[in-house]
């Protein structure tokens, strides 16, 4: 965990997803990784969780100022 210049708790994460889905009647392996960030009380809650656990996240996607890749801004989460 880190703190913003204003003293707000923040945490940067890398979320990974892997599943098998049906597409056009055939099984398809899906894998992806996504950068994520959380602030305030959500960041403090996330900092105490175990890595490698299964979670469901809610939030929004935003492209940072450098315009490279979208980042998920986590607004809530729960364990699956």
Protein backbone atom coordinates (compact mmCIF):
# COMPACT_ATOMS: atom_id res chain seq x y z
CA UNK A 1 0.00 0.00 0.00
CA UNK A 2 1.08 3.56 -0.65
CA UNK A 3 -0.29 7.00 0.18
CA UNK A 4 -1.15 9.80 -2.24
CA UNK A 5 0.39 13.25 -1.67
CA UNK A 6 -2.90 14.16 0.07
CA UNK A 7 -2.40 11.22 2.49
CA UNK A 8 -5.10 8.98 0.97
CA UNK A 9 -4.34 5.22 1.13
CA UNK A 10 -3.89 3.69 -2.35
CA UNK A 11 -3.02 0.26 -3.65
CA UNK A 12 -1.95 -0.78 -7.16
CA UNK A 13 -2.88 -4.28 -8.28
CA UNK A 14 -2.55 -6.65 -11.20
CA UNK A 15 -5.70 -8.74 -11.60
CA UNK A 16 -5.55 -11.98 -13.58
CA UNK A 17 -8.46 -13.89 -15.07
CA UNK A 18 -8.56 -17.36 -16.60
CA UNK A 19 -11.64 -19.31 -17.74
CA UNK A 20 -13.13 -21.49 -20.45
CA UNK A 21 -16.15 -20.11 -22.32
CA UNK A 22 -18.32 -21.22 -25.19
CA UNK A 23 -18.03 -19.14 -28.37
CA UNK A 24 -19.77 -20.15 -31.60
CA UNK A 25 -20.38 -23.60 -30.12
CA UNK A 26 -16.72 -24.26 -29.27
CA UNK A 27 -14.75 -24.05 -26.05
CA UNK A 28 -12.39 -21.11 -25.85
CA UNK A 29 -9.67 -20.53 -23.26
CA UNK A 30 -9.64 -16.95 -21.99
CA UNK A 31 -6.70 -15.42 -20.12
CA UNK A 32 -6.06 -11.77 -19.36
CA UNK A 33 -4.32 -9.48 -16.91
CA UNK A 34 -5.48 -5.99 -15.99
CA UNK A 35 -3.95 -3.22 -13.92
CA UNK A 36 -6.18 -1.96 -11.11
CA UNK A 37 -6.10 0.67 -8.39
CA UNK A 38 -8.12 1.33 -5.24
CA UNK A 39 -8.19 4.28 -2.86
CA UNK A 40 -9.29 4.98 0.71
CA UNK A 41 -11.12 2.33 2.74
CA UNK A 42 -11.25 -0.06 -0.26
CA UNK A 43 -7.43 0.08 -0.53
CA UNK A 44 -7.09 -0.64 3.19
CA UNK A 45 -9.46 -3.65 2.91
CA UNK A 46 -7.62 -5.00 -0.15
CA UNK A 47 -4.23 -4.70 1.56
CA UNK A 48 -5.31 -7.32 4.13
CA UNK A 49 -6.50 -9.93 1.58
CA UNK A 50 -4.54 -13.02 0.50
CA UNK A 51 -2.97 -13.05 -2.94
CA UNK A 52 -4.26 -15.73 -5.28
CA UNK A 53 -7.79 -15.67 -3.86
CA UNK A 54 -10.89 -15.53 -6.08
CA UNK A 55 -12.71 -12.19 -6.05
CA UNK A 56 -15.44 -10.26 -7.83
CA UNK A 57 -14.60 -6.58 -8.39
CA UNK A 58 -16.83 -3.62 -9.24
CA UNK A 59 -15.61 -0.30 -10.55
CA UNK A 60 -14.88 1.58 -13.74
CA UNK A 61 -12.22 1.58 -16.45
CA UNK A 62 -10.19 4.72 -17.10
CA UNK A 63 -7.19 5.42 -19.28
CA UNK A 64 -4.38 7.13 -17.37
CA UNK A 65 -2.85 10.41 -18.53
CA UNK A 66 -0.19 8.61 -20.59
CA UNK A 67 -3.02 6.97 -22.61
CA UNK A 68 -1.48 3.50 -22.64
CA UNK A 69 -3.74 0.82 -21.13
CA UNK A 70 -7.00 1.07 -19.21
CA UNK A 71 -6.91 0.72 -15.43
CA UNK A 72 -9.77 -0.69 -13.35
CA UNK A 73 -10.64 1.70 -10.51
CA UNK A 74 -12.04 -0.64 -7.85
CA UNK A 75 -15.04 0.72 -5.98
CA UNK A 76 -16.11 -2.48 -4.23
CA UNK A 77 -15.17 -6.18 -4.07
CA UNK A 78 -16.29 -9.44 -2.55
CA UNK A 79 -14.82 -12.90 -2.30
CA UNK A 80 -16.22 -15.55 -4.65
